[in-house]
Amino acid sequence: MSDLLKRSVTGIIFILVMLGGTILHPFVFAVLFAALLFFTQFEFYSLVEKAGLKPAKWAGTISGVLLFLTEFGVATGFLPRQFGFAFIPVIIFLFLNELFSSNDKILRNNSITLLGFVYVAMPFSLINFIVHSSVEGQNKFYPWILVGIFFIIWVYDSVAYLAGSAFGKHKIYEKISPGKSWEGLIAGAVFAVIMGIVNAVLFQALSMVSWIVIALLTVIFGTLGDFFESKIKRETGVKDSGNIMPGHGGFLDRFDSLLFAIPAIFIWLIFSGNI
């Protein structure tokens, strides 16, 4: 099987799984995204181990999954809203776990464990409140905002890659990510905004202005997220964060843009009155 065909088949399967797991049912969503969080955060810890670091992989990852499930309970109304602050005792637990471990260099290792928790688990947990937005005047499971965000990310990444490959001459940050060009970014941004406008027609719970803002936030913070992960891979000397998806790398490679974009979109949805 050629690399292009392998990449295409894997990409189609990935899209189908993401869309199906998001829209079928709240509990299907919870199971899928808890699993994705687990593998993504564990992959991050495994990645930084290549640089000689020793994060508390299991404690950090399991804490991340528990945070996600707690926030799912809060978002759905199964748990009181006070449980939304569950990240505070979790962070304290991670500090104490490192304190009583046998690892040396406690400050460095604990910082990396917390980084994985904040970098991966917290954005994934915020997704719960995006799919349970107070659209149409009531709090209910409404997965279409997240689906629209996926559409924007996929369109942006695809167009940026194609335009950058064909016309890219001016690199954005060649030292970290030599494949990213301003030409690709601009082309991708234009189509991301167009996708945002299409989303406003498809998913009318949000206004067109909100969708355009979401598209721009996705471009800006998604690009920063991509650079952040590229920086990590540079420092650890690897090309891909994993090989779970042939032709697409690992979980972290697939969600690096989303991890930075979700917090920004979450804040926008709060200020626009949709959460």
C-alpha atoms as a PDB file:
ATOM      1  CA  MET A   1       0.000   0.000   0.000  1.00  0.00           C
ATOM      2  CA  SER A   2       1.456   3.365  -1.025  1.00  0.00           C
ATOM      3  CA  ASP A   3       2.081   6.046   1.608  1.00  0.00           C
ATOM      4  CA  LEU A   4      -0.560   8.316   0.071  1.00  0.00           C
ATOM      5  CA  LEU A   5      -3.188   5.572   0.068  1.00  0.00           C
ATOM      6  CA  LYS A   6      -2.260   4.544   3.611  1.00  0.00           C
ATOM      7  CA  ARG A   7      -2.507   8.159   4.784  1.00  0.00           C
ATOM      8  CA  SER A   8      -5.863   8.618   3.048  1.00  0.00           C
ATOM      9  CA  VAL A   9      -7.422   5.445   4.466  1.00  0.00           C
ATOM     10  CA  THR A  10      -6.173   6.208   7.967  1.00  0.00           C
ATOM     11  CA  GLY A  11      -7.421   9.786   7.699  1.00  0.00           C
ATOM     12  CA  ILE A  12     -10.904   8.691   6.615  1.00  0.00           C
ATOM     13  CA  ILE A  13     -11.142   6.175   9.463  1.00  0.00           C
ATOM     14  CA  PHE A  14      -9.983   8.835  11.925  1.00  0.00           C
ATOM     15  CA  ILE A  15     -12.620  11.316  10.719  1.00  0.00           C
ATOM     16  CA  LEU A  16     -15.403   8.728  10.868  1.00  0.00           C
ATOM     17  CA  VAL A  17     -14.450   7.670  14.392  1.00  0.00           C
ATOM     18  CA  MET A  18     -14.235  11.271  15.593  1.00  0.00           C
ATOM     19  CA  LEU A  19     -17.561  12.286  14.071  1.00  0.00           C
ATOM     20  CA  GLY A  20     -19.387   9.125  15.107  1.00  0.00           C
ATOM     21  CA  GLY A  21     -18.037   9.200  18.648  1.00  0.00           C
ATOM     22  CA  THR A  22     -18.938  12.862  19.001  1.00  0.00           C
ATOM     23  CA  ILE A  23     -22.532  12.857  17.775  1.00  0.00           C
ATOM     24  CA  LEU A  24     -23.952   9.400  18.580  1.00  0.00           C
ATOM     25  CA  HIS A  25     -24.617   9.753  22.305  1.00  0.00           C
ATOM     26  CA  PRO A  26     -23.213  11.637  25.332  1.00  0.00           C
ATOM     27  CA  PHE A  27     -21.843   8.424  26.862  1.00  0.00           C
ATOM     28  CA  VAL A  28     -20.228   7.358  23.577  1.00  0.00           C
ATOM     29  CA  PHE A  29     -18.624  10.799  23.464  1.00  0.00           C
ATOM     30  CA  ALA A  30     -17.385  10.411  27.052  1.00  0.00           C
ATOM     31  CA  VAL A  31     -15.859   6.974  26.430  1.00  0.00           C
ATOM     32  CA  LEU A  32     -14.158   8.021  23.181  1.00  0.00           C
ATOM     33  CA  PHE A  33     -12.682  11.265  24.476  1.00  0.00           C
ATOM     34  CA  ALA A  34     -11.614   9.768  27.803  1.00  0.00           C
ATOM     35  CA  ALA A  35      -9.733   7.124  25.802  1.00  0.00           C
ATOM     36  CA  LEU A  36      -8.227   9.737  23.477  1.00  0.00           C
ATOM     37  CA  LEU A  37      -7.148  11.786  26.478  1.00  0.00           C
ATOM     38  CA  PHE A  38      -5.508   8.743  28.076  1.00  0.00           C
ATOM     39  CA  PHE A  39      -3.505   7.797  24.982  1.00  0.00           C
ATOM     40  CA  THR A  40      -2.570  11.396  24.143  1.00  0.00           C
ATOM     41  CA  GLN A  41      -1.353  12.254  27.633  1.00  0.00           C
ATOM     42  CA  PHE A  42       0.475   8.944  28.033  1.00  0.00           C
ATOM     43  CA  GLU A  43       2.081   9.515  24.635  1.00  0.00           C
ATOM     44  CA  PHE A  44       3.250  12.968  25.762  1.00  0.00           C
ATOM     45  CA  TYR A  45       4.901  11.511  28.844  1.00  0.00           C
ATOM     46  CA  SER A  46       6.516   8.753  26.790  1.00  0.00           C
ATOM     47  CA  LEU A  47       7.781  11.391  24.373  1.00  0.00           C
ATOM     48  CA  VAL A  48       9.472  13.566  26.999  1.00  0.00           C
ATOM     49  CA  GLU A  49      11.071  10.474  28.534  1.00  0.00           C
ATOM     50  CA  LYS A  50      13.215  10.360  25.411  1.00  0.00           C
ATOM     51  CA  ALA A  51      14.818  13.585  26.670  1.00  0.00           C
ATOM     52  CA  GLY A  52      15.804  11.908  29.927  1.00  0.00           C
ATOM     53  CA  LEU A  53      12.856  13.168  31.989  1.00  0.00           C
ATOM     54  CA  LYS A  54      10.908  10.979  34.399  1.00  0.00           C
ATOM     55  CA  PRO A  55       7.307  12.163  34.705  1.00  0.00           C
ATOM     56  CA  ALA A  56       4.804  10.237  36.795  1.00  0.00           C
ATOM     57  CA  LYS A  57       3.169   8.736  33.714  1.00  0.00           C
ATOM     58  CA  TRP A  58       0.470   6.642  35.300  1.00  0.00           C
ATOM     59  CA  ALA A  59      -0.442   9.068  38.079  1.00  0.00           C
ATOM     60  CA  GLY A  60      -0.586  11.994  35.664  1.00  0.00           C
ATOM     61  CA  THR A  61      -2.555  10.159  32.995  1.00  0.00           C
ATOM     62  CA  ILE A  62      -5.086   8.546  35.324  1.00  0.00           C
ATOM     63  CA  SER A  63      -5.563  11.898  37.074  1.00  0.00           C
ATOM     64  CA  GLY A  64      -6.249  13.445  33.676  1.00  0.00           C
ATOM     65  CA  VAL A  65      -8.906  10.857  32.828  1.00  0.00           C
ATOM     66  CA  LEU A  66     -10.558  11.277  36.241  1.00  0.00           C
ATOM     67  CA  LEU A  67     -10.650  15.036  35.732  1.00  0.00           C
ATOM     68  CA  PHE A  68     -12.292  14.563  32.335  1.00  0.00           C
ATOM     69  CA  LEU A  69     -14.953  12.237  33.746  1.00  0.00           C
ATOM     70  CA  THR A  70     -15.602  14.612  36.652  1.00  0.00           C
ATOM     71  CA  GLU A  71     -16.071  17.561  34.298  1.00  0.00           C
ATOM     72  CA  PHE A  72     -18.337  15.396  32.146  1.00  0.00           C
ATOM     73  CA  GLY A  73     -20.475  14.799  35.220  1.00  0.00           C
ATOM     74  CA  VAL A  74     -20.573  18.535  35.954  1.00  0.00           C
ATOM     75  CA  ALA A  75     -21.407  19.461  32.360  1.00  0.00           C
ATOM     76  CA  THR A  76     -24.246  16.934  32.164  1.00  0.00           C
ATOM     77  CA  GLY A  77     -25.649  17.860  35.576  1.00  0.00           C
ATOM     78  CA  PHE A  78     -24.860  14.502  37.205  1.00  0.00           C
ATOM     79  CA  LEU A  79     -22.483  16.249  39.599  1.00  0.00           C
ATOM     80  CA  PRO A  80     -22.824  19.642  41.365  1.00  0.00           C
ATOM     81  CA  ARG A  81     -21.042  22.533  39.696  1.00  0.00           C
ATOM     82  CA  GLN A  82     -18.692  22.773  42.673  1.00  0.00           C
ATOM     83  CA  PHE A  83     -16.999  19.639  41.349  1.00  0.00           C
ATOM     84  CA  GLY A  84     -15.816  21.747  38.429  1.00  0.00           C
ATOM     85  CA  PHE A  85     -12.898  22.796  40.631  1.00  0.00           C
ATOM     86  CA  ALA A  86     -11.688  19.201  40.845  1.00  0.00           C
ATOM     87  CA  PHE A  87      -8.449  20.180  39.114  1.00  0.00           C
ATOM     88  CA  ILE A  88      -7.231  21.857  42.332  1.00  0.00           C
ATOM     89  CA  PRO A  89      -7.020  18.707  44.509  1.00  0.00           C
ATOM     90  CA  VAL A  90      -5.726  16.772  41.486  1.00  0.00           C
ATOM     91  CA  ILE A  91      -2.794  19.180  41.159  1.00  0.00           C
ATOM     92  CA  ILE A  92      -2.097  18.850  44.895  1.00  0.00           C
ATOM     93  CA  PHE A  93      -2.182  15.052  44.534  1.00  0.00           C
ATOM     94  CA  LEU A  94       0.355  15.186  41.707  1.00  0.00           C
ATOM     95  CA  PHE A  95       2.656  17.308  43.857  1.00  0.00           C
ATOM     96  CA  LEU A  96       2.376  14.854  46.767  1.00  0.00           C
ATOM     97  CA  ASN A  97       2.819  11.845  44.490  1.00  0.00           C
ATOM     98  CA  GLU A  98       6.134  13.225  43.282  1.00  0.00           C
ATOM     99  CA  LEU A  99       7.162  14.179  46.828  1.00  0.00           C
ATOM    100  CA  PHE A 100       6.948  10.578  48.020  1.00  0.00           C
ATOM    101  CA  SER A 101       8.390   9.000  44.888  1.00  0.00           C
ATOM    102  CA  SER A 102      11.925   7.625  44.620  1.00  0.00           C
ATOM    103  CA  ASN A 103      12.752   9.700  41.540  1.00  0.00           C
ATOM    104  CA  ASP A 104      15.504  12.255  41.799  1.00  0.00           C
ATOM    105  CA  LYS A 105      15.247  15.778  40.389  1.00  0.00           C
ATOM    106  CA  ILE A 106      11.768  16.195  41.870  1.00  0.00           C
ATOM    107  CA  LEU A 107      11.191  19.756  40.634  1.00  0.00           C
ATOM    108  CA  ARG A 108      11.933  18.966  37.004  1.00  0.00           C
ATOM    109  CA  ASN A 109       9.944  15.720  36.970  1.00  0.00           C
ATOM    110  CA  ASN A 110       6.983  17.247  38.793  1.00  0.00           C
ATOM    111  CA  SER A 111       6.931  20.179  36.371  1.00  0.00           C
ATOM    112  CA  ILE A 112       6.725  17.793  33.409  1.00  0.00           C
ATOM    113  CA  THR A 113       3.970  15.739  35.062  1.00  0.00           C
ATOM    114  CA  LEU A 114       1.950  18.906  35.649  1.00  0.00           C
ATOM    115  CA  LEU A 115       2.691  20.134  32.131  1.00  0.00           C
ATOM    116  CA  GLY A 116       1.140  16.980  30.675  1.00  0.00           C
ATOM    117  CA  PHE A 117      -1.900  17.452  32.897  1.00  0.00           C
ATOM    118  CA  VAL A 118      -2.391  21.102  31.924  1.00  0.00           C
ATOM    119  CA  TYR A 119      -1.388  20.642  28.277  1.00  0.00           C
ATOM    120  CA  VAL A 120      -3.572  17.607  27.541  1.00  0.00           C
ATOM    121  CA  ALA A 121      -6.083  16.806  30.279  1.00  0.00           C
ATOM    122  CA  MET A 122      -7.453  20.288  30.911  1.00  0.00           C
ATOM    123  CA  PRO A 123      -8.258  21.144  27.254  1.00  0.00           C
ATOM    124  CA  PHE A 124      -9.890  17.739  26.788  1.00  0.00           C
ATOM    125  CA  SER A 125     -11.931  18.338  29.933  1.00  0.00           C
ATOM    126  CA  LEU A 126     -13.097  21.747  28.684  1.00  0.00           C
ATOM    127  CA  ILE A 127     -14.576  20.042  25.618  1.00  0.00           C
ATOM    128  CA  ASN A 128     -17.309  18.699  27.916  1.00  0.00           C
ATOM    129  CA  PHE A 129     -18.661  22.219  28.345  1.00  0.00           C
ATOM    130  CA  ILE A 130     -18.540  22.906  24.610  1.00  0.00           C
ATOM    131  CA  VAL A 131     -20.714  19.886  23.786  1.00  0.00           C
ATOM    132  CA  HIS A 132     -23.044  20.788  26.658  1.00  0.00           C
ATOM    133  CA  SER A 133     -23.370  24.460  25.756  1.00  0.00           C
ATOM    134  CA  SER A 134     -26.405  26.497  26.788  1.00  0.00           C
ATOM    135  CA  VAL A 135     -27.607  26.778  23.201  1.00  0.00           C
ATOM    136  CA  GLU A 136     -31.201  27.633  22.456  1.00  0.00           C
ATOM    137  CA  GLY A 137     -31.661  28.832  26.029  1.00  0.00           C
ATOM    138  CA  GLN A 138     -31.031  25.515  27.772  1.00  0.00           C
ATOM    139  CA  ASN A 139     -28.131  23.339  28.772  1.00  0.00           C
ATOM    140  CA  LYS A 140     -28.199  20.148  26.705  1.00  0.00           C
ATOM    141  CA  PHE A 141     -25.957  17.839  24.738  1.00  0.00           C
ATOM    142  CA  TYR A 142     -25.241  19.699  21.521  1.00  0.00           C
ATOM    143  CA  PRO A 143     -22.208  18.150  19.769  1.00  0.00           C
ATOM    144  CA  TRP A 144     -22.420  20.246  16.612  1.00  0.00           C
ATOM    145  CA  ILE A 145     -20.255  23.112  17.849  1.00  0.00           C
ATOM    146  CA  LEU A 146     -17.417  20.642  18.387  1.00  0.00           C
ATOM    147  CA  VAL A 147     -18.123  19.069  14.990  1.00  0.00           C
ATOM    148  CA  GLY A 148     -17.898  22.525  13.427  1.00  0.00           C
ATOM    149  CA  ILE A 149     -14.553  23.097  15.167  1.00  0.00           C
ATOM    150  CA  PHE A 150     -13.302  19.808  13.737  1.00  0.00           C
ATOM    151  CA  PHE A 151     -14.380  20.915  10.257  1.00  0.00           C
ATOM    152  CA  ILE A 152     -12.464  24.169  10.640  1.00  0.00           C
ATOM    153  CA  ILE A 153      -9.306  22.435  11.873  1.00  0.00           C
ATOM    154  CA  TRP A 154      -9.388  19.798   9.129  1.00  0.00           C
ATOM    155  CA  VAL A 155     -10.005  22.364   6.381  1.00  0.00           C
ATOM    156  CA  TYR A 156      -7.310  24.675   7.726  1.00  0.00           C
ATOM    157  CA  ASP A 157      -4.714  21.914   8.053  1.00  0.00           C
ATOM    158  CA  SER A 158      -5.458  20.460   4.608  1.00  0.00           C
ATOM    159  CA  VAL A 159      -5.430  23.763   2.717  1.00  0.00           C
ATOM    160  CA  ALA A 160      -2.384  25.055   4.600  1.00  0.00           C
ATOM    161  CA  TYR A 161      -0.502  21.858   3.750  1.00  0.00           C
ATOM    162  CA  LEU A 162      -1.476  21.894   0.062  1.00  0.00           C
ATOM    163  CA  ALA A 163      -0.892  25.630  -0.441  1.00  0.00           C
ATOM    164  CA  GLY A 164       2.351  25.528   1.512  1.00  0.00           C
ATOM    165  CA  SER A 165       3.618  22.586  -0.526  1.00  0.00           C
ATOM    166  CA  ALA A 166       2.750  24.304  -3.808  1.00  0.00           C
ATOM    167  CA  PHE A 167       3.550  27.962  -3.104  1.00  0.00           C
ATOM    168  CA  GLY A 168       5.285  28.171   0.265  1.00  0.00           C
ATOM    169  CA  LYS A 169       8.456  30.258   0.096  1.00  0.00           C
ATOM    170  CA  HIS A 170       8.374  32.379   3.246  1.00  0.00           C
ATOM    171  CA  LYS A 171       8.803  30.244   6.353  1.00  0.00           C
ATOM    172  CA  ILE A 172       7.064  31.216   9.575  1.00  0.00           C
ATOM    173  CA  TYR A 173       9.479  29.598  12.039  1.00  0.00           C
ATOM    174  CA  GLU A 174      11.896  27.477  10.033  1.00  0.00           C
ATOM    175  CA  LYS A 175      14.030  26.527  13.019  1.00  0.00           C
ATOM    176  CA  ILE A 176      11.122  24.711  14.654  1.00  0.00           C
ATOM    177  CA  SER A 177       8.828  23.740  11.791  1.00  0.00           C
ATOM    178  CA  PRO A 178      10.454  24.146   8.367  1.00  0.00           C
ATOM    179  CA  GLY A 179       7.324  22.982   6.540  1.00  0.00           C
ATOM    180  CA  LYS A 180       5.108  25.844   7.756  1.00  0.00           C
ATOM    181  CA  SER A 181       4.938  28.867   5.461  1.00  0.00           C
ATOM    182  CA  TRP A 182       3.074  32.175   5.522  1.00  0.00           C
ATOM    183  CA  GLU A 183       1.514  31.293   2.173  1.00  0.00           C
ATOM    184  CA  GLY A 184       0.076  28.110   3.623  1.00  0.00           C
ATOM    185  CA  LEU A 185      -1.129  29.861   6.750  1.00  0.00           C
ATOM    186  CA  ILE A 186      -2.903  32.636   4.818  1.00  0.00           C
ATOM    187  CA  ALA A 187      -4.567  30.210   2.408  1.00  0.00           C
ATOM    188  CA  GLY A 188      -5.590  27.947   5.267  1.00  0.00           C
ATOM    189  CA  ALA A 189      -6.944  30.901   7.251  1.00  0.00           C
ATOM    190  CA  VAL A 190      -9.096  32.066   4.330  1.00  0.00           C
ATOM    191  CA  PHE A 191     -10.664  28.634   3.927  1.00  0.00           C
ATOM    192  CA  ALA A 192     -11.032  28.254   7.693  1.00  0.00           C
ATOM    193  CA  VAL A 193     -13.116  31.436   7.770  1.00  0.00           C
ATOM    194  CA  ILE A 194     -15.148  30.178   4.799  1.00  0.00           C
ATOM    195  CA  MET A 195     -15.733  26.950   6.724  1.00  0.00           C
ATOM    196  CA  GLY A 196     -16.809  29.049   9.698  1.00  0.00           C
ATOM    197  CA  ILE A 197     -19.399  30.770   7.509  1.00  0.00           C
ATOM    198  CA  VAL A 198     -20.608  27.386   6.259  1.00  0.00           C
ATOM    199  CA  ASN A 199     -20.859  26.233   9.880  1.00  0.00           C
ATOM    200  CA  ALA A 200     -23.078  29.226  10.632  1.00  0.00           C
ATOM    201  CA  VAL A 201     -25.503  27.907   8.000  1.00  0.00           C
ATOM    202  CA  LEU A 202     -25.245  24.275   9.122  1.00  0.00           C
ATOM    203  CA  PHE A 203     -25.226  24.822  12.885  1.00  0.00           C
ATOM    204  CA  GLN A 204     -27.309  27.894  13.599  1.00  0.00           C
ATOM    205  CA  ALA A 205     -27.081  27.751  17.390  1.00  0.00           C
ATOM    206  CA  LEU A 206     -24.149  30.157  17.054  1.00  0.00           C
ATOM    207  CA  SER A 207     -24.162  33.358  15.040  1.00  0.00           C
ATOM    208  CA  MET A 208     -22.022  33.847  11.950  1.00  0.00           C
ATOM    209  CA  VAL A 209     -19.863  36.322  13.886  1.00  0.00           C
ATOM    210  CA  SER A 210     -19.209  33.671  16.552  1.00  0.00           C
ATOM    211  CA  TRP A 211     -18.268  31.086  13.951  1.00  0.00           C
ATOM    212  CA  ILE A 212     -15.882  33.500  12.227  1.00  0.00           C
ATOM    213  CA  VAL A 213     -14.275  34.318  15.582  1.00  0.00           C
ATOM    214  CA  ILE A 214     -13.968  30.590  16.320  1.00  0.00           C
ATOM    215  CA  ALA A 215     -12.333  30.075  12.918  1.00  0.00           C
ATOM    216  CA  LEU A 216      -9.791  32.832  13.577  1.00  0.00           C
ATOM    217  CA  LEU A 217      -9.068  31.556  17.085  1.00  0.00           C
ATOM    218  CA  THR A 218      -8.567  28.074  15.646  1.00  0.00           C
ATOM    219  CA  VAL A 219      -6.081  29.375  13.074  1.00  0.00           C
ATOM    220  CA  ILE A 220      -4.099  31.434  15.591  1.00  0.00           C
ATOM    221  CA  PHE A 221      -4.011  29.061  18.545  1.00  0.00           C
ATOM    222  CA  GLY A 222      -4.044  25.900  16.443  1.00  0.00           C
ATOM    223  CA  THR A 223      -0.893  27.097  14.684  1.00  0.00           C
ATOM    224  CA  LEU A 224       0.737  27.920  18.027  1.00  0.00           C
ATOM    225  CA  GLY A 225      -0.209  24.459  19.277  1.00  0.00           C
ATOM    226  CA  ASP A 226       1.414  22.899  16.240  1.00  0.00           C
ATOM    227  CA  PHE A 227       4.615  24.868  16.843  1.00  0.00           C
ATOM    228  CA  PHE A 228       4.600  23.931  20.528  1.00  0.00           C
ATOM    229  CA  GLU A 229       4.450  20.234  19.747  1.00  0.00           C
ATOM    230  CA  SER A 230       7.075  20.643  17.014  1.00  0.00           C
ATOM    231  CA  LYS A 231       9.350  22.238  19.594  1.00  0.00           C
ATOM    232  CA  ILE A 232       8.875  19.265  21.922  1.00  0.00           C
ATOM    233  CA  LYS A 233       9.653  16.807  19.120  1.00  0.00           C
ATOM    234  CA  ARG A 234      12.743  18.789  18.143  1.00  0.00           C
ATOM    235  CA  GLU A 235      14.073  18.651  21.682  1.00  0.00           C
ATOM    236  CA  THR A 236      13.390  14.927  21.980  1.00  0.00           C
ATOM    237  CA  GLY A 237      14.780  14.142  18.532  1.00  0.00           C
ATOM    238  CA  VAL A 238      11.734  12.402  17.052  1.00  0.00           C
ATOM    239  CA  LYS A 239       9.760  12.996  13.867  1.00  0.00           C
ATOM    240  CA  ASP A 240       6.351  11.848  15.111  1.00  0.00           C
ATOM    241  CA  SER A 241       4.956  11.617  18.633  1.00  0.00           C
ATOM    242  CA  GLY A 242       3.876   8.034  17.914  1.00  0.00           C
ATOM    243  CA  ASN A 243       2.980   5.586  15.146  1.00  0.00           C
ATOM    244  CA  ILE A 244      -0.536   4.561  16.119  1.00  0.00           C
ATOM    245  CA  MET A 245      -1.965   6.077  12.909  1.00  0.00           C
ATOM    246  CA  PRO A 246       0.035   5.140   9.775  1.00  0.00           C
ATOM    247  CA  GLY A 247       0.898   8.236   7.770  1.00  0.00           C
ATOM    248  CA  HIS A 248      -0.372  10.582  10.491  1.00  0.00           C
ATOM    249  CA  GLY A 249       1.942   9.965  13.435  1.00  0.00           C
ATOM    250  CA  GLY A 250       0.630   9.683  16.955  1.00  0.00           C
ATOM    251  CA  PHE A 251      -2.282  11.003  18.969  1.00  0.00           C
ATOM    252  CA  LEU A 252      -0.407  14.146  19.973  1.00  0.00           C
ATOM    253  CA  ASP A 253       0.311  14.878  16.316  1.00  0.00           C
ATOM    254  CA  ARG A 254      -3.433  14.737  15.594  1.00  0.00           C
ATOM    255  CA  PHE A 255      -4.566  16.851  18.538  1.00  0.00           C
ATOM    256  CA  ASP A 256      -1.774  19.418  18.940  1.00  0.00           C
ATOM    257  CA  SER A 257      -3.847  22.167  17.284  1.00  0.00           C
ATOM    258  CA  LEU A 258      -6.989  21.281  19.229  1.00  0.00           C
ATOM    259  CA  LEU A 259      -5.194  21.385  22.589  1.00  0.00           C
ATOM    260  CA  PHE A 260      -4.330  25.064  22.146  1.00  0.00           C
ATOM    261  CA  ALA A 261      -7.500  26.089  20.309  1.00  0.00           C
ATOM    262  CA  ILE A 262     -10.056  24.634  22.752  1.00  0.00           C
ATOM    263  CA  PRO A 263      -9.215  26.866  25.758  1.00  0.00           C
ATOM    264  CA  ALA A 264      -9.402  29.990  23.567  1.00  0.00           C
ATOM    265  CA  ILE A 265     -12.715  28.903  22.029  1.00  0.00           C
ATOM    266  CA  PHE A 266     -14.045  27.987  25.482  1.00  0.00           C
ATOM    267  CA  ILE A 267     -13.347  31.514  26.736  1.00  0.00           C
ATOM    268  CA  TRP A 268     -15.017  33.009  23.665  1.00  0.00           C
ATOM    269  CA  LEU A 269     -18.123  30.876  24.175  1.00  0.00           C
ATOM    270  CA  ILE A 270     -18.304  32.064  27.792  1.00  0.00           C
ATOM    271  CA  PHE A 271     -18.084  35.723  26.806  1.00  0.00           C
ATOM    272  CA  SER A 272     -20.581  35.245  23.970  1.00  0.00           C
ATOM    273  CA  GLY A 273     -23.073  33.667  26.386  1.00  0.00           C
ATOM    274  CA  ASN A 274     -23.116  30.137  24.989  1.00  0.00           C
ATOM    275  CA  ILE A 275     -21.712  28.361  28.052  1.00  0.00           C
END
